[in-house]
C-alpha atoms as a PDB file:
ATOM      1  CA  MET A   1     118.026 131.107  56.237  1.00  0.00           C
ATOM      2  CA  LEU A   2     116.895 130.980  59.909  1.00  0.00           C
ATOM      3  CA  THR A   3     118.941 129.073  62.484  1.00  0.00           C
ATOM      4  CA  GLU A   4     117.732 125.701  64.194  1.00  0.00           C
ATOM      5  CA  THR A   5     117.009 127.845  67.485  1.00  0.00           C
ATOM      6  CA  GLU A   6     115.570 130.915  65.406  1.00  0.00           C
ATOM      7  CA  PHE A   7     113.321 128.741  63.192  1.00  0.00           C
ATOM      8  CA  TYR A   8     112.226 126.201  66.507  1.00  0.00           C
ATOM      9  CA  ALA A   9     111.627 130.216  68.710  1.00  0.00           C
ATOM     10  CA  SER A  10     109.648 131.366  65.858  1.00  0.00           C
ATOM     11  CA  ASP A  11     106.053 130.026  66.375  1.00  0.00           C
ATOM     12  CA  ARG A  12     106.365 129.668  70.470  1.00  0.00           C
ATOM     13  CA  PRO A  13     104.548 131.787  72.980  1.00  0.00           C
ATOM     14  CA  ALA A  14     106.970 134.257  75.213  1.00  0.00           C
ATOM     15  CA  HIS A  15     106.613 131.789  78.015  1.00  0.00           C
ATOM     16  CA  PRO A  16     106.023 127.945  76.827  1.00  0.00           C
ATOM     17  CA  GLU A  17     105.266 127.074  80.251  1.00  0.00           C
ATOM     18  CA  LEU A  18     102.379 125.522  81.539  1.00  0.00           C
ATOM     19  CA  PRO A  19     100.689 124.969  85.041  1.00  0.00           C
ATOM     20  CA  GLU A  20     100.700 120.745  85.759  1.00  0.00           C
ATOM     21  CA  ASP A  21      97.239 120.163  85.544  1.00  0.00           C
ATOM     22  CA  ARG A  22      97.771 117.154  87.987  1.00  0.00           C
ATOM     23  CA  PRO A  23     100.791 118.179  90.538  1.00  0.00           C
ATOM     24  CA  ARG A  24     102.678 115.634  91.613  1.00  0.00           C
ATOM     25  CA  GLY A  25     103.400 114.874  95.283  1.00  0.00           C
ATOM     26  CA  GLY A  26     103.775 117.455  97.845  1.00  0.00           C
ATOM     27  CA  GLY A  27     100.838 118.262  99.597  1.00  0.00           C
ATOM     28  CA  PRO A  28      99.002 116.412 102.806  1.00  0.00           C
ATOM     29  CA  LYS A  29      98.598 112.651 102.018  1.00  0.00           C
ATOM     30  CA  GLU A  30      94.604 111.238 103.264  1.00  0.00           C
ATOM     31  CA  PRO A  31      95.087 108.035 104.544  1.00  0.00           C
ATOM     32  CA  LEU A  32      93.284 105.280 102.128  1.00  0.00           C
ATOM     33  CA  VAL A  33      89.583 104.524 103.660  1.00  0.00           C
ATOM     34  CA  HIS A  34      87.552 101.992 102.507  1.00  0.00           C
ATOM     35  CA  PRO A  35      83.719 103.158 101.977  1.00  0.00           C
ATOM     36  CA  GLY A  36      81.482 100.235 103.380  1.00  0.00           C
ATOM     37  CA  THR A  37      84.446  97.968 105.140  1.00  0.00           C
ATOM     38  CA  TRP A  38      82.083  97.491 107.891  1.00  0.00           C
ATOM     39  CA  ALA A  39      79.044  97.073 105.940  1.00  0.00           C
ATOM     40  CA  MET A  40      81.101  94.039 104.378  1.00  0.00           C
ATOM     41  CA  ILE A  41      82.007  92.445 107.210  1.00  0.00           C
ATOM     42  CA  ALA A  42      78.303  92.768 109.065  1.00  0.00           C
ATOM     43  CA  ILE A  43      76.962  90.917 105.681  1.00  0.00           C
ATOM     44  CA  VAL A  44      79.620  88.350 105.492  1.00  0.00           C
ATOM     45  CA  ALA A  45      78.932  87.856 109.276  1.00  0.00           C
ATOM     46  CA  ILE A  46      75.434  87.380 108.886  1.00  0.00           C
ATOM     47  CA  VAL A  47      75.623  85.260 105.633  1.00  0.00           C
ATOM     48  CA  VAL A  48      77.950  83.147 107.995  1.00  0.00           C
ATOM     49  CA  VAL A  49      75.276  82.687 110.778  1.00  0.00           C
ATOM     50  CA  VAL A  50      72.699  82.210 108.088  1.00  0.00           C
ATOM     51  CA  ILE A  51      74.102  79.118 107.191  1.00  0.00           C
ATOM     52  CA  GLY A  52      75.434  77.969 110.842  1.00  0.00           C
ATOM     53  CA  VAL A  53      71.664  78.598 112.262  1.00  0.00           C
ATOM     54  CA  GLY A  54      70.721  76.248 109.105  1.00  0.00           C
ATOM     55  CA  ILE A  55      72.736  73.536 109.671  1.00  0.00           C
ATOM     56  CA  VAL A  56      72.168  73.570 113.002  1.00  0.00           C
ATOM     57  CA  LEU A  57      68.311  73.469 112.862  1.00  0.00           C
ATOM     58  CA  PHE A  58      68.308  71.287 109.844  1.00  0.00           C
ATOM     59  CA  PRO A  59      70.325  68.224 110.197  1.00  0.00           C
END
């Protein structure tokens, strides 16, 4: 009869450690940048100006 250690070790490779596919932490962190932030601000500003001009010209 096999011992518990022998039983569980029988089908394992010599080096069962696998490299991490998604390493955690440690690397340089880039600042979070949202693409299109200035474009969104410009679109909102244009909409506000168009609404304001519409209210002024057509009271």
